[in-house]
């Protein structure tokens, strides 16, 4: 049997009772750490806490070898496959479960807190005010790759008055991570290439590092000023707000000391410059 479960967003905090029950029953426990980073988490300490050995997996194990080693063990006994955040936030984990089903292996998915949940809890933004989520990846001039689809996702959301959650690129196995300050250059590069007035120096952005962790940091301000911001280690995310609800404005102002006028002016800009009244 394959049990695929999320560890949440910080240390051991989000490990559920239900998951611990399956860990106690498990014959083998695997942990995948290449799709994200879990602040405050130490594998050795976790292994001591649960009283069992934890086997680390790589991208090659899951994607190139199709999870063969994991599924081989799942045929023989109970395998718990641990991920960071919500287990199905990464499509590669869905593919693993599909392969298990094709092989006739029973499976169970145990949900956990995702980065989207963390952002909502960190910022007090309303779930229904978000549009499509996108990943902001590093461009490659060598290969002629630029994340244009991300740019147009933000534009589409702004036209609907919706917030956009941008997940910033990370390549854990290569120790390469996009931070909020680096993301600014990528966003402005996309603007120069596409020229649809999505990003400029005055665009309001919210940068969040290590959402809901004890050392969480948040930046709320203009894109142009974010170049000088250091929010510390990854993972980092960005929200480009759409039209902010009064309650969202109240919360951001009360918690982070942001001038309400700044938030109101941005909402008015979205209404006048971006909102497509025919499709809202």
C-alpha atoms as a PDB file:
ATOM      1  CA  UNK A   1       0.000   0.000   0.000  1.00  0.00           C
ATOM      2  CA  UNK A   2       1.131   3.535  -0.765  1.00  0.00           C
ATOM      3  CA  UNK A   3       0.274   6.341   1.644  1.00  0.00           C
ATOM      4  CA  UNK A   4       1.239   9.756   0.263  1.00  0.00           C
ATOM      5  CA  UNK A   5       1.068  12.545   2.809  1.00  0.00           C
ATOM      6  CA  UNK A   6       2.054  16.178   3.307  1.00  0.00           C
ATOM      7  CA  UNK A   7       4.169  17.539   6.129  1.00  0.00           C
ATOM      8  CA  UNK A   8       2.803  21.075   5.870  1.00  0.00           C
ATOM      9  CA  UNK A   9       4.794  24.283   5.996  1.00  0.00           C
ATOM     10  CA  UNK A  10       6.892  24.394   9.152  1.00  0.00           C
ATOM     11  CA  UNK A  11       8.934  21.866  11.099  1.00  0.00           C
ATOM     12  CA  UNK A  12       6.862  19.090  12.671  1.00  0.00           C
ATOM     13  CA  UNK A  13       3.998  21.474  13.485  1.00  0.00           C
ATOM     14  CA  UNK A  14       1.581  20.366  10.765  1.00  0.00           C
ATOM     15  CA  UNK A  15       2.085  16.602  11.092  1.00  0.00           C
ATOM     16  CA  UNK A  16      -1.395  15.249  11.791  1.00  0.00           C
ATOM     17  CA  UNK A  17      -2.498  12.524  14.167  1.00  0.00           C
ATOM     18  CA  UNK A  18      -3.836  10.599  11.187  1.00  0.00           C
ATOM     19  CA  UNK A  19      -0.458  10.680   9.481  1.00  0.00           C
ATOM     20  CA  UNK A  20       1.313   9.549  12.649  1.00  0.00           C
ATOM     21  CA  UNK A  21      -0.976   6.527  12.796  1.00  0.00           C
ATOM     22  CA  UNK A  22       0.194   5.459   9.335  1.00  0.00           C
ATOM     23  CA  UNK A  23       3.837   6.207  10.158  1.00  0.00           C
ATOM     24  CA  UNK A  24       3.564   3.800  13.086  1.00  0.00           C
ATOM     25  CA  UNK A  25       2.229   1.101  10.725  1.00  0.00           C
ATOM     26  CA  UNK A  26       4.705   1.807   7.914  1.00  0.00           C
ATOM     27  CA  UNK A  27       7.272  -0.717   6.751  1.00  0.00           C
ATOM     28  CA  UNK A  28       9.205   1.928   4.804  1.00  0.00           C
ATOM     29  CA  UNK A  29       9.112   5.735   4.969  1.00  0.00           C
ATOM     30  CA  UNK A  30      10.300   7.878   2.072  1.00  0.00           C
ATOM     31  CA  UNK A  31      10.743  11.664   2.076  1.00  0.00           C
ATOM     32  CA  UNK A  32      10.846  13.865  -1.010  1.00  0.00           C
ATOM     33  CA  UNK A  33      12.551  17.250  -0.567  1.00  0.00           C
ATOM     34  CA  UNK A  34      13.310  18.374  -4.113  1.00  0.00           C
ATOM     35  CA  UNK A  35      10.011  20.099  -4.967  1.00  0.00           C
ATOM     36  CA  UNK A  36      10.106  22.539  -2.050  1.00  0.00           C
ATOM     37  CA  UNK A  37      11.754  23.513   1.234  1.00  0.00           C
ATOM     38  CA  UNK A  38      10.369  22.959   4.724  1.00  0.00           C
ATOM     39  CA  UNK A  39      11.671  25.605   7.166  1.00  0.00           C
ATOM     40  CA  UNK A  40      12.484  24.376  10.657  1.00  0.00           C
ATOM     41  CA  UNK A  41      12.643  20.735   9.555  1.00  0.00           C
ATOM     42  CA  UNK A  42      15.543  18.396  10.254  1.00  0.00           C
ATOM     43  CA  UNK A  43      15.440  14.861   8.849  1.00  0.00           C
ATOM     44  CA  UNK A  44      17.560  13.347  11.624  1.00  0.00           C
ATOM     45  CA  UNK A  45      15.413  14.933  14.331  1.00  0.00           C
ATOM     46  CA  UNK A  46      12.254  13.818  12.545  1.00  0.00           C
ATOM     47  CA  UNK A  47      13.569  10.263  12.330  1.00  0.00           C
ATOM     48  CA  UNK A  48      14.253  10.296  16.086  1.00  0.00           C
ATOM     49  CA  UNK A  49      10.810  11.729  16.773  1.00  0.00           C
ATOM     50  CA  UNK A  50       8.946   9.034  14.851  1.00  0.00           C
ATOM     51  CA  UNK A  51      11.370   6.297  15.878  1.00  0.00           C
ATOM     52  CA  UNK A  52      11.939   5.077  12.326  1.00  0.00           C
ATOM     53  CA  UNK A  53      14.450   5.454   9.508  1.00  0.00           C
ATOM     54  CA  UNK A  54      13.544   7.930   6.769  1.00  0.00           C
ATOM     55  CA  UNK A  55      14.765   7.242   3.223  1.00  0.00           C
ATOM     56  CA  UNK A  56      15.403  10.364   1.120  1.00  0.00           C
ATOM     57  CA  UNK A  57      14.341  10.299  -2.523  1.00  0.00           C
ATOM     58  CA  UNK A  58      15.580  12.386  -5.458  1.00  0.00           C
ATOM     59  CA  UNK A  59      14.003  13.785  -8.597  1.00  0.00           C
ATOM     60  CA  UNK A  60      15.613  10.907 -10.502  1.00  0.00           C
ATOM     61  CA  UNK A  61      13.906   8.356  -8.240  1.00  0.00           C
ATOM     62  CA  UNK A  62      10.460   9.812  -8.921  1.00  0.00           C
ATOM     63  CA  UNK A  63      10.567  11.240 -12.431  1.00  0.00           C
ATOM     64  CA  UNK A  64      13.250   9.345 -14.336  1.00  0.00           C
ATOM     65  CA  UNK A  65      12.751   5.974 -12.650  1.00  0.00           C
ATOM     66  CA  UNK A  66       8.969   6.470 -12.373  1.00  0.00           C
ATOM     67  CA  UNK A  67       9.031   5.835  -8.635  1.00  0.00           C
ATOM     68  CA  UNK A  68       9.904   2.201  -9.294  1.00  0.00           C
ATOM     69  CA  UNK A  69      11.764   1.660  -6.027  1.00  0.00           C
ATOM     70  CA  UNK A  70       8.959   3.186  -3.980  1.00  0.00           C
ATOM     71  CA  UNK A  71       6.231   1.215  -5.728  1.00  0.00           C
ATOM     72  CA  UNK A  72       8.256  -1.991  -5.435  1.00  0.00           C
ATOM     73  CA  UNK A  73       8.202  -1.552  -1.657  1.00  0.00           C
ATOM     74  CA  UNK A  74       4.503  -0.624  -1.742  1.00  0.00           C
ATOM     75  CA  UNK A  75       3.731  -3.972  -3.343  1.00  0.00           C
ATOM     76  CA  UNK A  76       5.288  -5.773  -0.383  1.00  0.00           C
ATOM     77  CA  UNK A  77       4.057  -3.685   2.536  1.00  0.00           C
ATOM     78  CA  UNK A  78       2.947  -0.266   3.749  1.00  0.00           C
ATOM     79  CA  UNK A  79       4.951   2.626   2.325  1.00  0.00           C
ATOM     80  CA  UNK A  80       4.525   6.191   3.561  1.00  0.00           C
ATOM     81  CA  UNK A  81       5.751   8.747   1.035  1.00  0.00           C
ATOM     82  CA  UNK A  82       6.158  12.187   2.626  1.00  0.00           C
ATOM     83  CA  UNK A  83       6.128  15.494   0.787  1.00  0.00           C
ATOM     84  CA  UNK A  84       6.374  19.149   1.766  1.00  0.00           C
ATOM     85  CA  UNK A  85       3.150  21.130   1.904  1.00  0.00           C
ATOM     86  CA  UNK A  86       0.126  19.477   0.334  1.00  0.00           C
ATOM     87  CA  UNK A  87       1.038  16.189  -1.409  1.00  0.00           C
ATOM     88  CA  UNK A  88      -0.825  16.983  -4.622  1.00  0.00           C
ATOM     89  CA  UNK A  89       0.480  20.520  -5.066  1.00  0.00           C
ATOM     90  CA  UNK A  90       3.190  18.985  -7.280  1.00  0.00           C
ATOM     91  CA  UNK A  91       1.914  17.086 -10.326  1.00  0.00           C
ATOM     92  CA  UNK A  92       4.792  14.617 -10.059  1.00  0.00           C
ATOM     93  CA  UNK A  93       3.147  13.236  -6.907  1.00  0.00           C
ATOM     94  CA  UNK A  94      -0.153  12.757  -8.719  1.00  0.00           C
ATOM     95  CA  UNK A  95       1.731  10.781 -11.375  1.00  0.00           C
ATOM     96  CA  UNK A  96       3.180   8.520  -8.675  1.00  0.00           C
ATOM     97  CA  UNK A  97      -0.301   7.688  -7.382  1.00  0.00           C
ATOM     98  CA  UNK A  98      -1.533   7.043 -10.921  1.00  0.00           C
ATOM     99  CA  UNK A  99       1.281   4.551 -11.462  1.00  0.00           C
ATOM    100  CA  UNK A 100       0.378   2.853  -8.179  1.00  0.00           C
ATOM    101  CA  UNK A 101      -3.232   2.532  -9.315  1.00  0.00           C
ATOM    102  CA  UNK A 102      -2.138   1.096 -12.670  1.00  0.00           C
ATOM    103  CA  UNK A 103      -0.078  -1.514 -10.824  1.00  0.00           C
ATOM    104  CA  UNK A 104      -3.000  -2.491  -8.617  1.00  0.00           C
ATOM    105  CA  UNK A 105      -1.450  -1.003  -5.470  1.00  0.00           C
ATOM    106  CA  UNK A 106      -3.855   0.398  -2.897  1.00  0.00           C
ATOM    107  CA  UNK A 107      -3.200   4.030  -2.032  1.00  0.00           C
ATOM    108  CA  UNK A 108      -4.307   6.723   0.371  1.00  0.00           C
ATOM    109  CA  UNK A 109      -3.730  10.486   0.134  1.00  0.00           C
ATOM    110  CA  UNK A 110      -3.465  12.422   3.400  1.00  0.00           C
ATOM    111  CA  UNK A 111      -3.749  16.186   2.821  1.00  0.00           C
ATOM    112  CA  UNK A 112      -1.874  18.923   4.629  1.00  0.00           C
ATOM    113  CA  UNK A 113      -1.354  22.667   4.596  1.00  0.00           C
ATOM    114  CA  UNK A 114      -0.278  24.046   1.221  1.00  0.00           C
ATOM    115  CA  UNK A 115       1.587  27.247   0.414  1.00  0.00           C
ATOM    116  CA  UNK A 116      -1.746  28.724  -0.689  1.00  0.00           C
ATOM    117  CA  UNK A 117      -3.177  28.105   2.788  1.00  0.00           C
ATOM    118  CA  UNK A 118      -0.049  29.625   4.284  1.00  0.00           C
ATOM    119  CA  UNK A 119      -0.298  32.780   2.193  1.00  0.00           C
ATOM    120  CA  UNK A 120      -3.932  33.283   3.188  1.00  0.00           C
ATOM    121  CA  UNK A 121      -3.101  32.818   6.867  1.00  0.00           C
ATOM    122  CA  UNK A 122      -0.077  35.111   6.643  1.00  0.00           C
ATOM    123  CA  UNK A 123      -1.796  37.948   4.826  1.00  0.00           C
ATOM    124  CA  UNK A 124      -5.485  37.693   5.685  1.00  0.00           C
ATOM    125  CA  UNK A 125      -6.432  37.727   2.006  1.00  0.00           C
ATOM    126  CA  UNK A 126      -9.670  36.074   0.980  1.00  0.00           C
ATOM    127  CA  UNK A 127      -9.535  32.788  -0.891  1.00  0.00           C
ATOM    128  CA  UNK A 128     -12.238  33.652  -3.403  1.00  0.00           C
ATOM    129  CA  UNK A 129     -10.367  36.830  -4.379  1.00  0.00           C
ATOM    130  CA  UNK A 130      -7.518  34.842  -5.966  1.00  0.00           C
ATOM    131  CA  UNK A 131      -7.271  33.951  -9.618  1.00  0.00           C
ATOM    132  CA  UNK A 132      -5.025  31.392 -11.244  1.00  0.00           C
ATOM    133  CA  UNK A 133      -1.716  30.646  -9.484  1.00  0.00           C
ATOM    134  CA  UNK A 134       1.530  30.696 -11.486  1.00  0.00           C
ATOM    135  CA  UNK A 135       5.209  29.901 -11.008  1.00  0.00           C
ATOM    136  CA  UNK A 136       7.789  32.571 -11.771  1.00  0.00           C
ATOM    137  CA  UNK A 137      10.790  30.692 -13.123  1.00  0.00           C
ATOM    138  CA  UNK A 138      14.272  31.845 -13.982  1.00  0.00           C
ATOM    139  CA  UNK A 139      14.554  32.864 -17.645  1.00  0.00           C
ATOM    140  CA  UNK A 140      17.236  31.340 -19.850  1.00  0.00           C
ATOM    141  CA  UNK A 141      18.708  33.612 -22.479  1.00  0.00           C
ATOM    142  CA  UNK A 142      20.816  30.710 -23.742  1.00  0.00           C
ATOM    143  CA  UNK A 143      17.748  28.619 -24.575  1.00  0.00           C
ATOM    144  CA  UNK A 144      15.489  31.537 -25.394  1.00  0.00           C
ATOM    145  CA  UNK A 145      13.126  30.708 -22.550  1.00  0.00           C
ATOM    146  CA  UNK A 146      11.157  33.365 -20.712  1.00  0.00           C
ATOM    147  CA  UNK A 147       8.128  32.721 -18.442  1.00  0.00           C
ATOM    148  CA  UNK A 148       5.686  34.632 -20.646  1.00  0.00           C
ATOM    149  CA  UNK A 149       2.720  32.508 -19.502  1.00  0.00           C
ATOM    150  CA  UNK A 150       3.226  33.764 -15.945  1.00  0.00           C
ATOM    151  CA  UNK A 151       3.133  37.362 -17.165  1.00  0.00           C
ATOM    152  CA  UNK A 152      -0.154  36.785 -18.980  1.00  0.00           C
ATOM    153  CA  UNK A 153      -1.635  34.952 -15.985  1.00  0.00           C
ATOM    154  CA  UNK A 154      -1.080  38.076 -13.889  1.00  0.00           C
ATOM    155  CA  UNK A 155      -2.598  40.242 -16.633  1.00  0.00           C
ATOM    156  CA  UNK A 156      -5.659  38.005 -16.909  1.00  0.00           C
ATOM    157  CA  UNK A 157      -6.185  38.050 -13.150  1.00  0.00           C
ATOM    158  CA  UNK A 158      -5.830  41.836 -12.969  1.00  0.00           C
ATOM    159  CA  UNK A 159      -8.456  42.205 -15.706  1.00  0.00           C
ATOM    160  CA  UNK A 160     -10.795  40.268 -13.416  1.00  0.00           C
ATOM    161  CA  UNK A 161      -9.763  42.238 -10.323  1.00  0.00           C
ATOM    162  CA  UNK A 162      -8.241  39.106  -8.761  1.00  0.00           C
ATOM    163  CA  UNK A 163      -5.053  38.508  -6.780  1.00  0.00           C
ATOM    164  CA  UNK A 164      -2.238  36.407  -8.250  1.00  0.00           C
ATOM    165  CA  UNK A 165      -0.077  34.088  -6.179  1.00  0.00           C
ATOM    166  CA  UNK A 166       3.358  33.692  -7.753  1.00  0.00           C
ATOM    167  CA  UNK A 167       5.419  30.744  -6.551  1.00  0.00           C
ATOM    168  CA  UNK A 168       9.076  31.625  -6.972  1.00  0.00           C
ATOM    169  CA  UNK A 169      11.373  29.174  -8.707  1.00  0.00           C
ATOM    170  CA  UNK A 170      13.530  26.832  -6.677  1.00  0.00           C
ATOM    171  CA  UNK A 171      15.894  24.091  -7.726  1.00  0.00           C
ATOM    172  CA  UNK A 172      16.620  22.433  -4.422  1.00  0.00           C
ATOM    173  CA  UNK A 173      19.063  19.833  -5.701  1.00  0.00           C
ATOM    174  CA  UNK A 174      21.091  22.586  -7.406  1.00  0.00           C
ATOM    175  CA  UNK A 175      20.813  24.948  -4.409  1.00  0.00           C
ATOM    176  CA  UNK A 176      19.320  27.652  -6.643  1.00  0.00           C
ATOM    177  CA  UNK A 177      16.411  29.716  -5.327  1.00  0.00           C
ATOM    178  CA  UNK A 178      14.555  32.775  -6.563  1.00  0.00           C
ATOM    179  CA  UNK A 179      14.045  35.373  -3.868  1.00  0.00           C
ATOM    180  CA  UNK A 180      11.719  38.361  -3.890  1.00  0.00           C
ATOM    181  CA  UNK A 181      14.467  40.832  -4.826  1.00  0.00           C
ATOM    182  CA  UNK A 182      15.625  38.640  -7.734  1.00  0.00           C
ATOM    183  CA  UNK A 183      12.035  38.218  -8.904  1.00  0.00           C
ATOM    184  CA  UNK A 184      11.750  41.973  -9.461  1.00  0.00           C
ATOM    185  CA  UNK A 185      14.272  41.873 -12.306  1.00  0.00           C
ATOM    186  CA  UNK A 186      12.452  38.931 -13.909  1.00  0.00           C
ATOM    187  CA  UNK A 187       9.069  40.674 -13.734  1.00  0.00           C
ATOM    188  CA  UNK A 188      10.393  43.895 -15.222  1.00  0.00           C
ATOM    189  CA  UNK A 189      12.206  41.931 -17.945  1.00  0.00           C
ATOM    190  CA  UNK A 190       8.906  40.287 -18.875  1.00  0.00           C
ATOM    191  CA  UNK A 191       7.324  43.730 -19.039  1.00  0.00           C
ATOM    192  CA  UNK A 192       9.974  44.962 -21.474  1.00  0.00           C
ATOM    193  CA  UNK A 193       9.434  41.891 -23.642  1.00  0.00           C
ATOM    194  CA  UNK A 194       5.620  41.994 -23.649  1.00  0.00           C
ATOM    195  CA  UNK A 195       4.770  45.658 -23.037  1.00  0.00           C
ATOM    196  CA  UNK A 196       1.242  45.143 -21.701  1.00  0.00           C
ATOM    197  CA  UNK A 197       1.692  47.402 -18.657  1.00  0.00           C
ATOM    198  CA  UNK A 198       1.455  44.562 -16.137  1.00  0.00           C
ATOM    199  CA  UNK A 199       4.569  45.425 -14.118  1.00  0.00           C
ATOM    200  CA  UNK A 200       6.222  48.757 -13.509  1.00  0.00           C
ATOM    201  CA  UNK A 201       8.195  50.378 -10.714  1.00  0.00           C
ATOM    202  CA  UNK A 202       4.959  51.476  -9.001  1.00  0.00           C
ATOM    203  CA  UNK A 203       3.172  48.091  -9.083  1.00  0.00           C
ATOM    204  CA  UNK A 204       2.069  46.975  -5.627  1.00  0.00           C
ATOM    205  CA  UNK A 205       3.441  43.612  -4.576  1.00  0.00           C
ATOM    206  CA  UNK A 206       3.455  41.510  -1.436  1.00  0.00           C
ATOM    207  CA  UNK A 207       6.507  39.351  -0.855  1.00  0.00           C
ATOM    208  CA  UNK A 208       6.299  36.519   1.672  1.00  0.00           C
ATOM    209  CA  UNK A 209       9.221  34.438   2.894  1.00  0.00           C
ATOM    210  CA  UNK A 210       8.636  31.190   4.805  1.00  0.00           C
ATOM    211  CA  UNK A 211       4.891  31.669   5.130  1.00  0.00           C
ATOM    212  CA  UNK A 212       3.591  30.929   8.669  1.00  0.00           C
ATOM    213  CA  UNK A 213       7.051  29.948   9.981  1.00  0.00           C
ATOM    214  CA  UNK A 214       8.261  31.511  13.223  1.00  0.00           C
ATOM    215  CA  UNK A 215      10.738  33.619  11.238  1.00  0.00           C
ATOM    216  CA  UNK A 216       8.291  34.572   8.493  1.00  0.00           C
ATOM    217  CA  UNK A 217       8.976  37.921   6.795  1.00  0.00           C
ATOM    218  CA  UNK A 218       6.622  40.012   4.674  1.00  0.00           C
ATOM    219  CA  UNK A 219       7.252  42.956   2.350  1.00  0.00           C
ATOM    220  CA  UNK A 220       4.373  45.121   1.120  1.00  0.00           C
ATOM    221  CA  UNK A 221       5.234  47.937  -1.241  1.00  0.00           C
ATOM    222  CA  UNK A 222       6.275  48.950  -4.719  1.00  0.00           C
ATOM    223  CA  UNK A 223       8.098  46.570  -7.017  1.00  0.00           C
ATOM    224  CA  UNK A 224      10.799  49.167  -7.579  1.00  0.00           C
ATOM    225  CA  UNK A 225      11.609  49.324  -3.856  1.00  0.00           C
ATOM    226  CA  UNK A 226      11.711  45.536  -3.480  1.00  0.00           C
ATOM    227  CA  UNK A 227      15.133  45.321  -5.149  1.00  0.00           C
ATOM    228  CA  UNK A 228      16.694  46.323  -1.845  1.00  0.00           C
ATOM    229  CA  UNK A 229      14.639  43.905   0.256  1.00  0.00           C
ATOM    230  CA  UNK A 230      16.263  40.931   1.954  1.00  0.00           C
ATOM    231  CA  UNK A 231      13.675  38.526   3.338  1.00  0.00           C
ATOM    232  CA  UNK A 232      16.156  35.805   4.161  1.00  0.00           C
ATOM    233  CA  UNK A 233      16.175  32.139   3.144  1.00  0.00           C
ATOM    234  CA  UNK A 234      13.608  30.491   0.848  1.00  0.00           C
ATOM    235  CA  UNK A 235      10.944  29.575   0.059  1.00  0.00           C
ATOM    236  CA  UNK A 236       9.637  32.927  -1.172  1.00  0.00           C
ATOM    237  CA  UNK A 237       6.305  33.790  -2.791  1.00  0.00           C
ATOM    238  CA  UNK A 238       4.764  36.948  -4.224  1.00  0.00           C
ATOM    239  CA  UNK A 239       1.195  38.168  -4.392  1.00  0.00           C
ATOM    240  CA  UNK A 240       0.212  40.750  -6.980  1.00  0.00           C
ATOM    241  CA  UNK A 241      -3.047  42.087  -5.521  1.00  0.00           C
ATOM    242  CA  UNK A 242      -6.152  42.712  -7.542  1.00  0.00           C
ATOM    243  CA  UNK A 243      -8.965  44.774  -6.084  1.00  0.00           C
ATOM    244  CA  UNK A 244      -8.604  44.536  -2.316  1.00  0.00           C
ATOM    245  CA  UNK A 245     -11.701  44.072  -0.180  1.00  0.00           C
ATOM    246  CA  UNK A 246     -12.191  46.503   2.708  1.00  0.00           C
ATOM    247  CA  UNK A 247     -11.542  43.704   5.205  1.00  0.00           C
ATOM    248  CA  UNK A 248      -8.294  42.780   3.434  1.00  0.00           C
ATOM    249  CA  UNK A 249      -7.171  46.399   3.575  1.00  0.00           C
ATOM    250  CA  UNK A 250      -8.018  46.590   7.273  1.00  0.00           C
ATOM    251  CA  UNK A 251      -6.072  43.398   8.016  1.00  0.00           C
ATOM    252  CA  UNK A 252      -2.950  44.328   6.047  1.00  0.00           C
ATOM    253  CA  UNK A 253      -2.934  47.754   7.657  1.00  0.00           C
ATOM    254  CA  UNK A 254      -3.480  46.440  11.194  1.00  0.00           C
ATOM    255  CA  UNK A 255      -0.990  43.604  11.017  1.00  0.00           C
ATOM    256  CA  UNK A 256       1.794  45.083   8.906  1.00  0.00           C
ATOM    257  CA  UNK A 257       1.330  48.815   9.424  1.00  0.00           C
ATOM    258  CA  UNK A 258       0.697  49.509   5.747  1.00  0.00           C
ATOM    259  CA  UNK A 259      -0.887  52.866   4.996  1.00  0.00           C
ATOM    260  CA  UNK A 260      -4.490  52.195   3.960  1.00  0.00           C
ATOM    261  CA  UNK A 261      -4.186  54.910   1.338  1.00  0.00           C
ATOM    262  CA  UNK A 262      -1.479  52.922  -0.483  1.00  0.00           C
ATOM    263  CA  UNK A 263      -3.725  49.854  -0.650  1.00  0.00           C
ATOM    264  CA  UNK A 264      -6.783  51.862  -1.679  1.00  0.00           C
ATOM    265  CA  UNK A 265      -4.861  53.659  -4.417  1.00  0.00           C
ATOM    266  CA  UNK A 266      -3.668  50.353  -5.827  1.00  0.00           C
ATOM    267  CA  UNK A 267      -7.222  48.969  -5.843  1.00  0.00           C
ATOM    268  CA  UNK A 268      -8.393  52.073  -7.692  1.00  0.00           C
ATOM    269  CA  UNK A 269      -5.586  51.646 -10.224  1.00  0.00           C
ATOM    270  CA  UNK A 270      -6.675  48.064 -10.887  1.00  0.00           C
ATOM    271  CA  UNK A 271     -10.259  49.260 -11.385  1.00  0.00           C
ATOM    272  CA  UNK A 272      -9.325  52.028 -13.807  1.00  0.00           C
ATOM    273  CA  UNK A 273      -6.385  50.523 -15.727  1.00  0.00           C
ATOM    274  CA  UNK A 274      -6.983  46.780 -15.808  1.00  0.00           C
ATOM    275  CA  UNK A 275     -10.529  45.769 -14.948  1.00  0.00           C
ATOM    276  CA  UNK A 276     -12.444  44.324 -17.888  1.00  0.00           C
ATOM    277  CA  UNK A 277     -15.999  45.339 -17.010  1.00  0.00           C
ATOM    278  CA  UNK A 278     -17.463  43.239 -19.834  1.00  0.00           C
ATOM    279  CA  UNK A 279     -16.131  40.013 -18.326  1.00  0.00           C
ATOM    280  CA  UNK A 280     -16.506  40.632 -14.573  1.00  0.00           C
END
